[in-house]
Amino acid sequence: MSRYSIIITIAVWVIILPFLGFPSFWETLFLVLSGFGIIFYTFMLKSESANGSSWSFSKDNDVYVENGIDHNNEKKIQKQK
């Protein structure tokens, strides 16, 4: 199960929890633990993206390239000169 689906599952749990009929102490405890779970997995996702495991924009990875222009090839030619 991915971290995203775990966060979604905990969020759905928080939504349906008030309708399940738990005593107020247990309901409060489950809500607090669910909140900590969401915080924990959010920090895990944040640290994963900070490590560079997700994609990002940079000058070397152009999303749009004009017709006939190859920046990597131009850099190689400039280094050879």
PDB file of N, CA and C in Angstrom:
ATOM      1  N   MET A   1       0.854  -1.173   0.000  1.00  0.00           N
ATOM      2  CA  MET A   1       0.000   0.000   0.000  1.00  0.00           C
ATOM      3  C   MET A   1       0.900   1.238   0.000  1.00  0.00           C
ATOM      4  N   SER A   2       0.664   2.149  -0.932  1.00  0.00           N
ATOM      5  CA  SER A   2       1.501   3.334  -1.022  1.00  0.00           C
ATOM      6  C   SER A   2       1.166   4.315   0.103  1.00  0.00           C
ATOM      7  N   ARG A   3       2.060   5.250   0.315  1.00  0.00           N
ATOM      8  CA  ARG A   3       1.839   6.238   1.384  1.00  0.00           C
ATOM      9  C   ARG A   3       0.645   7.127   1.074  1.00  0.00           C
ATOM     10  N   TYR A   4       0.427   7.420  -0.208  1.00  0.00           N
ATOM     11  CA  TYR A   4      -0.727   8.229  -0.585  1.00  0.00           C
ATOM     12  C   TYR A   4      -2.032   7.515  -0.243  1.00  0.00           C
ATOM     13  N   SER A   5      -2.098   6.229  -0.538  1.00  0.00           N
ATOM     14  CA  SER A   5      -3.328   5.500  -0.244  1.00  0.00           C
ATOM     15  C   SER A   5      -3.521   5.327   1.264  1.00  0.00           C
ATOM     16  N   ILE A   6      -2.442   5.263   2.026  1.00  0.00           N
ATOM     17  CA  ILE A   6      -2.568   5.195   3.488  1.00  0.00           C
ATOM     18  C   ILE A   6      -3.159   6.484   4.024  1.00  0.00           C
ATOM     19  N   ILE A   7      -2.701   7.634   3.510  1.00  0.00           N
ATOM     20  CA  ILE A   7      -3.240   8.919   3.951  1.00  0.00           C
ATOM     21  C   ILE A   7      -4.724   9.026   3.591  1.00  0.00           C
ATOM     22  N   ILE A   8      -5.085   8.592   2.395  1.00  0.00           N
ATOM     23  CA  ILE A   8      -6.488   8.635   1.986  1.00  0.00           C
ATOM     24  C   ILE A   8      -7.333   7.718   2.870  1.00  0.00           C
ATOM     25  N   THR A   9      -6.819   6.532   3.191  1.00  0.00           N
ATOM     26  CA  THR A   9      -7.540   5.600   4.055  1.00  0.00           C
ATOM     27  C   THR A   9      -7.755   6.189   5.445  1.00  0.00           C
ATOM     28  N   ILE A  10      -6.731   6.820   6.012  1.00  0.00           N
ATOM     29  CA  ILE A  10      -6.871   7.443   7.334  1.00  0.00           C
ATOM     30  C   ILE A  10      -7.867   8.594   7.269  1.00  0.00           C
ATOM     31  N   ALA A  11      -7.847   9.357   6.176  1.00  0.00           N
ATOM     32  CA  ALA A  11      -8.787  10.472   6.035  1.00  0.00           C
ATOM     33  C   ALA A  11     -10.228   9.969   5.964  1.00  0.00           C
ATOM     34  N   VAL A  12     -10.463   8.884   5.246  1.00  0.00           N
ATOM     35  CA  VAL A  12     -11.808   8.301   5.185  1.00  0.00           C
ATOM     36  C   VAL A  12     -12.210   7.787   6.565  1.00  0.00           C
ATOM     37  N   TRP A  13     -11.276   7.192   7.281  1.00  0.00           N
ATOM     38  CA  TRP A  13     -11.523   6.727   8.646  1.00  0.00           C
ATOM     39  C   TRP A  13     -11.970   7.882   9.539  1.00  0.00           C
ATOM     40  N   VAL A  14     -11.302   9.039   9.411  1.00  0.00           N
ATOM     41  CA  VAL A  14     -11.653  10.216  10.217  1.00  0.00           C
ATOM     42  C   VAL A  14     -13.051  10.707   9.852  1.00  0.00           C
ATOM     43  N   ILE A  15     -13.411  10.603   8.582  1.00  0.00           N
ATOM     44  CA  ILE A  15     -14.732  11.058   8.158  1.00  0.00           C
ATOM     45  C   ILE A  15     -15.844  10.170   8.721  1.00  0.00           C
ATOM     46  N   ILE A  16     -15.658   8.845   8.707  1.00  0.00           N
ATOM     47  CA  ILE A  16     -16.737   7.949   9.156  1.00  0.00           C
ATOM     48  C   ILE A  16     -16.709   7.672  10.655  1.00  0.00           C
ATOM     49  N   LEU A  17     -15.633   8.007  11.333  1.00  0.00           N
ATOM     50  CA  LEU A  17     -15.488   7.695  12.759  1.00  0.00           C
ATOM     51  C   LEU A  17     -16.621   8.243  13.635  1.00  0.00           C
ATOM     52  N   PRO A  18     -17.072   9.481  13.455  1.00  0.00           N
ATOM     53  CA  PRO A  18     -18.146   9.977  14.333  1.00  0.00           C
ATOM     54  C   PRO A  18     -19.462   9.198  14.206  1.00  0.00           C
ATOM     55  N   PHE A  19     -19.667   8.499  13.105  1.00  0.00           N
ATOM     56  CA  PHE A  19     -20.923   7.793  12.883  1.00  0.00           C
ATOM     57  C   PHE A  19     -20.883   6.335  13.351  1.00  0.00           C
ATOM     58  N   LEU A  20     -19.763   5.882  13.907  1.00  0.00           N
ATOM     59  CA  LEU A  20     -19.624   4.478  14.294  1.00  0.00           C
ATOM     60  C   LEU A  20     -20.107   4.180  15.710  1.00  0.00           C
ATOM     61  N   GLY A  21     -20.354   5.202  16.514  1.00  0.00           N
ATOM     62  CA  GLY A  21     -20.942   4.995  17.831  1.00  0.00           C
ATOM     63  C   GLY A  21     -19.971   4.631  18.934  1.00  0.00           C
ATOM     64  N   PHE A  22     -18.704   4.990  18.800  1.00  0.00           N
ATOM     65  CA  PHE A  22     -17.750   4.744  19.878  1.00  0.00           C
ATOM     66  C   PHE A  22     -18.016   5.715  21.024  1.00  0.00           C
ATOM     67  N   PRO A  23     -17.690   5.304  22.262  1.00  0.00           N
ATOM     68  CA  PRO A  23     -17.766   6.259  23.372  1.00  0.00           C
ATOM     69  C   PRO A  23     -16.830   7.449  23.114  1.00  0.00           C
ATOM     70  N   SER A  24     -17.140   8.587  23.713  1.00  0.00           N
ATOM     71  CA  SER A  24     -16.420   9.820  23.394  1.00  0.00           C
ATOM     72  C   SER A  24     -14.922   9.717  23.682  1.00  0.00           C
ATOM     73  N   PHE A  25     -14.518   8.997  24.743  1.00  0.00           N
ATOM     74  CA  PHE A  25     -13.092   8.843  25.023  1.00  0.00           C
ATOM     75  C   PHE A  25     -12.386   8.129  23.881  1.00  0.00           C
ATOM     76  N   TRP A  26     -12.962   7.011  23.424  1.00  0.00           N
ATOM     77  CA  TRP A  26     -12.339   6.228  22.355  1.00  0.00           C
ATOM     78  C   TRP A  26     -12.364   6.985  21.030  1.00  0.00           C
ATOM     79  N   GLU A  27     -13.458   7.695  20.786  1.00  0.00           N
ATOM     80  CA  GLU A  27     -13.538   8.474  19.555  1.00  0.00           C
ATOM     81  C   GLU A  27     -12.460   9.557  19.522  1.00  0.00           C
ATOM     82  N   THR A  28     -12.275  10.234  20.654  1.00  0.00           N
ATOM     83  CA  THR A  28     -11.224  11.258  20.736  1.00  0.00           C
ATOM     84  C   THR A  28      -9.844  10.637  20.566  1.00  0.00           C
ATOM     85  N   LEU A  29      -9.612   9.511  21.204  1.00  0.00           N
ATOM     86  CA  LEU A  29      -8.331   8.829  21.085  1.00  0.00           C
ATOM     87  C   LEU A  29      -8.060   8.402  19.643  1.00  0.00           C
ATOM     88  N   PHE A  30      -9.056   7.834  18.978  1.00  0.00           N
ATOM     89  CA  PHE A  30      -8.881   7.421  17.577  1.00  0.00           C
ATOM     90  C   PHE A  30      -8.633   8.615  16.660  1.00  0.00           C
ATOM     91  N   LEU A  31      -9.325   9.731  16.920  1.00  0.00           N
ATOM     92  CA  LEU A  31      -9.110  10.925  16.104  1.00  0.00           C
ATOM     93  C   LEU A  31      -7.700  11.485  16.292  1.00  0.00           C
ATOM     94  N   VAL A  32      -7.213  11.502  17.516  1.00  0.00           N
ATOM     95  CA  VAL A  32      -5.861  12.006  17.787  1.00  0.00           C
ATOM     96  C   VAL A  32      -4.825  11.094  17.133  1.00  0.00           C
ATOM     97  N   LEU A  33      -4.973   9.782  17.287  1.00  0.00           N
ATOM     98  CA  LEU A  33      -4.034   8.848  16.668  1.00  0.00           C
ATOM     99  C   LEU A  33      -4.087   8.929  15.142  1.00  0.00           C
ATOM    100  N   SER A  34      -5.274   9.106  14.590  1.00  0.00           N
ATOM    101  CA  SER A  34      -5.394   9.264  13.138  1.00  0.00           C
ATOM    102  C   SER A  34      -4.716  10.550  12.676  1.00  0.00           C
ATOM    103  N   GLY A  35      -4.867  11.615  13.434  1.00  0.00           N
ATOM    104  CA  GLY A  35      -4.195  12.871  13.108  1.00  0.00           C
ATOM    105  C   GLY A  35      -2.686  12.717  13.121  1.00  0.00           C
ATOM    106  N   PHE A  36      -2.166  12.029  14.133  1.00  0.00           N
ATOM    107  CA  PHE A  36      -0.719  11.774  14.173  1.00  0.00           C
ATOM    108  C   PHE A  36      -0.280  10.913  12.994  1.00  0.00           C
ATOM    109  N   GLY A  37      -1.126   9.957  12.605  1.00  0.00           N
ATOM    110  CA  GLY A  37      -0.802   9.126  11.442  1.00  0.00           C
ATOM    111  C   GLY A  37      -0.718   9.941  10.165  1.00  0.00           C
ATOM    112  N   ILE A  38      -1.675  10.850   9.971  1.00  0.00           N
ATOM    113  CA  ILE A  38      -1.645  11.709   8.788  1.00  0.00           C
ATOM    114  C   ILE A  38      -0.416  12.597   8.805  1.00  0.00           C
ATOM    115  N   ILE A  39      -0.086  13.157   9.965  1.00  0.00           N
ATOM    116  CA  ILE A  39       1.111  14.008  10.082  1.00  0.00           C
ATOM    117  C   ILE A  39       2.368  13.203   9.775  1.00  0.00           C
ATOM    118  N   PHE A  40       2.463  11.998  10.329  1.00  0.00           N
ATOM    119  CA  PHE A  40       3.641  11.151  10.125  1.00  0.00           C
ATOM    120  C   PHE A  40       3.838  10.830   8.647  1.00  0.00           C
ATOM    121  N   TYR A  41       2.772  10.364   7.986  1.00  0.00           N
ATOM    122  CA  TYR A  41       2.903   9.994   6.579  1.00  0.00           C
ATOM    123  C   TYR A  41       3.119  11.207   5.684  1.00  0.00           C
ATOM    124  N   THR A  42       2.592  12.362   6.066  1.00  0.00           N
ATOM    125  CA  THR A  42       2.852  13.579   5.299  1.00  0.00           C
ATOM    126  C   THR A  42       4.322  13.959   5.383  1.00  0.00           C
ATOM    127  N   PHE A  43       4.909  13.855   6.576  1.00  0.00           N
ATOM    128  CA  PHE A  43       6.341  14.131   6.704  1.00  0.00           C
ATOM    129  C   PHE A  43       7.178  13.110   5.940  1.00  0.00           C
ATOM    130  N   MET A  44       6.737  11.869   5.912  1.00  0.00           N
ATOM    131  CA  MET A  44       7.445  10.846   5.135  1.00  0.00           C
ATOM    132  C   MET A  44       7.430  11.194   3.649  1.00  0.00           C
ATOM    133  N   LEU A  45       6.288  11.659   3.145  1.00  0.00           N
ATOM    134  CA  LEU A  45       6.195  12.058   1.740  1.00  0.00           C
ATOM    135  C   LEU A  45       7.040  13.289   1.462  1.00  0.00           C
ATOM    136  N   LYS A  46       7.067  14.219   2.413  1.00  0.00           N
ATOM    137  CA  LYS A  46       7.862  15.434   2.245  1.00  0.00           C
ATOM    138  C   LYS A  46       9.345  15.094   2.188  1.00  0.00           C
ATOM    139  N   SER A  47       9.808  14.211   3.063  1.00  0.00           N
ATOM    140  CA  SER A  47      11.223  13.848   3.059  1.00  0.00           C
ATOM    141  C   SER A  47      11.572  13.053   1.808  1.00  0.00           C
ATOM    142  N   GLU A  48      10.619  12.267   1.298  1.00  0.00           N
ATOM    143  CA  GLU A  48      10.854  11.516   0.068  1.00  0.00           C
ATOM    144  C   GLU A  48      11.038  12.470  -1.108  1.00  0.00           C
ATOM    145  N   SER A  49      10.231  13.510  -1.181  1.00  0.00           N
ATOM    146  CA  SER A  49      10.362  14.460  -2.282  1.00  0.00           C
ATOM    147  C   SER A  49      11.597  15.341  -2.090  1.00  0.00           C
ATOM    148  N   ALA A  50      12.024  15.587  -0.858  1.00  0.00           N
ATOM    149  CA  ALA A  50      13.224  16.386  -0.612  1.00  0.00           C
ATOM    150  C   ALA A  50      14.487  15.625  -1.003  1.00  0.00           C
ATOM    151  N   ASN A  51      14.440  14.306  -0.962  1.00  0.00           N
ATOM    152  CA  ASN A  51      15.596  13.495  -1.345  1.00  0.00           C
ATOM    153  C   ASN A  51      15.781  13.421  -2.843  1.00  0.00           C
ATOM    154  N   GLY A  52      14.840  13.980  -3.599  1.00  0.00           N
ATOM    155  CA  GLY A  52      14.974  13.989  -5.044  1.00  0.00           C
ATOM    156  C   GLY A  52      14.437  12.747  -5.718  1.00  0.00           C
ATOM    157  N   SER A  53      13.655  11.961  -5.012  1.00  0.00           N
ATOM    158  CA  SER A  53      13.127  10.757  -5.627  1.00  0.00           C
ATOM    159  C   SER A  53      11.975  11.059  -6.576  1.00  0.00           C
ATOM    160  N   SER A  54      11.388  12.230  -6.459  1.00  0.00           N
ATOM    161  CA  SER A  54      10.332  12.601  -7.390  1.00  0.00           C
ATOM    162  C   SER A  54      10.911  13.478  -8.487  1.00  0.00           C
ATOM    163  N   TRP A  55      10.171  13.663  -9.555  1.00  0.00           N
ATOM    164  CA  TRP A  55      10.656  14.440 -10.680  1.00  0.00           C
ATOM    165  C   TRP A  55      10.639  15.921 -10.340  1.00  0.00           C
ATOM    166  N   SER A  56      11.462  16.671 -11.031  1.00  0.00           N
ATOM    167  CA  SER A  56      11.481  18.120 -10.857  1.00  0.00           C
ATOM    168  C   SER A  56      11.957  18.765 -12.141  1.00  0.00           C
ATOM    169  N   PHE A  57      11.682  20.039 -12.285  1.00  0.00           N
ATOM    170  CA  PHE A  57      12.141  20.785 -13.440  1.00  0.00           C
ATOM    171  C   PHE A  57      13.563  21.266 -13.214  1.00  0.00           C
ATOM    172  N   SER A  58      14.360  21.193 -14.235  1.00  0.00           N
ATOM    173  CA  SER A  58      15.712  21.749 -14.174  1.00  0.00           C
ATOM    174  C   SER A  58      16.093  22.202 -15.575  1.00  0.00           C
ATOM    175  N   LYS A  59      17.208  22.880 -15.693  1.00  0.00           N
ATOM    176  CA  LYS A  59      17.634  23.377 -16.991  1.00  0.00           C
ATOM    177  C   LYS A  59      18.079  22.244 -17.914  1.00  0.00           C
ATOM    178  N   ASP A  60      18.531  21.139 -17.365  1.00  0.00           N
ATOM    179  CA  ASP A  60      18.999  20.024 -18.180  1.00  0.00           C
ATOM    180  C   ASP A  60      17.852  19.180 -18.729  1.00  0.00           C
ATOM    181  N   ASN A  61      16.703  19.221 -18.083  1.00  0.00           N
ATOM    182  CA  ASN A  61      15.552  18.426 -18.514  1.00  0.00           C
ATOM    183  C   ASN A  61      14.474  19.359 -19.030  1.00  0.00           C
ATOM    184  N   ASP A  62      14.603  19.769 -20.288  1.00  0.00           N
ATOM    185  CA  ASP A  62      13.647  20.696 -20.868  1.00  0.00           C
ATOM    186  C   ASP A  62      12.325  19.992 -21.133  1.00  0.00           C
ATOM    187  N   VAL A  63      11.247  20.663 -20.772  1.00  0.00           N
ATOM    188  CA  VAL A  63       9.926  20.137 -21.053  1.00  0.00           C
ATOM    189  C   VAL A  63       9.559  20.479 -22.496  1.00  0.00           C
ATOM    190  N   TYR A  64       9.931  21.659 -22.926  1.00  0.00           N
ATOM    191  CA  TYR A  64       9.633  22.104 -24.284  1.00  0.00           C
ATOM    192  C   TYR A  64      10.945  22.399 -24.982  1.00  0.00           C
ATOM    193  N   VAL A  65      11.145  21.814 -26.131  1.00  0.00           N
ATOM    194  CA  VAL A  65      12.352  22.044 -26.913  1.00  0.00           C
ATOM    195  C   VAL A  65      11.933  22.559 -28.267  1.00  0.00           C
ATOM    196  N   GLU A  66      12.553  23.661 -28.694  1.00  0.00           N
ATOM    197  CA  GLU A  66      12.221  24.211 -29.999  1.00  0.00           C
ATOM    198  C   GLU A  66      12.680  23.258 -31.097  1.00  0.00           C
ATOM    199  N   ASN A  67      12.086  23.405 -32.266  1.00  0.00           N
ATOM    200  CA  ASN A  67      12.403  22.516 -33.380  1.00  0.00           C
ATOM    201  C   ASN A  67      13.874  22.596 -33.750  1.00  0.00           C
ATOM    202  N   GLY A  68      14.542  21.456 -33.774  1.00  0.00           N
ATOM    203  CA  GLY A  68      15.912  21.375 -34.244  1.00  0.00           C
ATOM    204  C   GLY A  68      16.966  21.806 -33.247  1.00  0.00           C
ATOM    205  N   ILE A  69      16.602  22.228 -32.051  1.00  0.00           N
ATOM    206  CA  ILE A  69      17.598  22.680 -31.074  1.00  0.00           C
ATOM    207  C   ILE A  69      17.816  21.578 -30.047  1.00  0.00           C
ATOM    208  N   ASP A  70      19.063  21.187 -29.896  1.00  0.00           N
ATOM    209  CA  ASP A  70      19.429  20.179 -28.908  1.00  0.00           C
ATOM    210  C   ASP A  70      20.444  20.823 -27.973  1.00  0.00           C
ATOM    211  N   HIS A  71      19.995  21.212 -26.767  1.00  0.00           N
ATOM    212  CA  HIS A  71      20.859  21.913 -25.827  1.00  0.00           C
ATOM    213  C   HIS A  71      22.032  21.051 -25.368  1.00  0.00           C
ATOM    214  N   ASN A  72      21.795  19.767 -25.183  1.00  0.00           N
ATOM    215  CA  ASN A  72      22.873  18.882 -24.751  1.00  0.00           C
ATOM    216  C   ASN A  72      23.965  18.801 -25.812  1.00  0.00           C
ATOM    217  N   ASN A  73      23.565  18.748 -27.072  1.00  0.00           N
ATOM    218  CA  ASN A  73      24.524  18.691 -28.169  1.00  0.00           C
ATOM    219  C   ASN A  73      25.299  20.010 -28.253  1.00  0.00           C
ATOM    220  N   GLU A  74      24.624  21.142 -28.037  1.00  0.00           N
ATOM    221  CA  GLU A  74      25.303  22.445 -28.054  1.00  0.00           C
ATOM    222  C   GLU A  74      26.354  22.526 -26.952  1.00  0.00           C
ATOM    223  N   LYS A  75      26.059  21.994 -25.778  1.00  0.00           N
ATOM    224  CA  LYS A  75      27.013  22.012 -24.664  1.00  0.00           C
ATOM    225  C   LYS A  75      28.243  21.180 -25.006  1.00  0.00           C
ATOM    226  N   LYS A  76      28.030  20.028 -25.655  1.00  0.00           N
ATOM    227  CA  LYS A  76      29.167  19.181 -26.039  1.00  0.00           C
ATOM    228  C   LYS A  76      30.037  19.895 -27.058  1.00  0.00           C
ATOM    229  N   ILE A  77      29.423  20.589 -27.992  1.00  0.00           N
ATOM    230  CA  ILE A  77      30.175  21.307 -29.011  1.00  0.00           C
ATOM    231  C   ILE A  77      30.979  22.448 -28.385  1.00  0.00           C
ATOM    232  N   GLN A  78      30.382  23.157 -27.419  1.00  0.00           N
ATOM    233  CA  GLN A  78      31.073  24.254 -26.746  1.00  0.00           C
ATOM    234  C   GLN A  78      32.235  23.747 -25.917  1.00  0.00           C
ATOM    235  N   LYS A  79      32.114  22.577 -25.311  1.00  0.00           N
ATOM    236  CA  LYS A  79      33.199  22.016 -24.522  1.00  0.00           C
ATOM    237  C   LYS A  79      34.368  21.593 -25.425  1.00  0.00           C
ATOM    238  N   GLN A  80      34.081  21.170 -26.640  1.00  0.00           N
ATOM    239  CA  GLN A  80      35.126  20.734 -27.557  1.00  0.00           C
ATOM    240  C   GLN A  80      35.945  21.901 -28.075  1.00  0.00           C
ATOM    241  N   LYS A  81      35.386  23.117 -28.125  1.00  0.00           N
ATOM    242  CA  LYS A  81      36.080  24.292 -28.652  1.00  0.00           C
ATOM    243  C   LYS A  81      37.118  24.780 -27.743  1.00  0.00           C
TER     244      LYS A  81
END
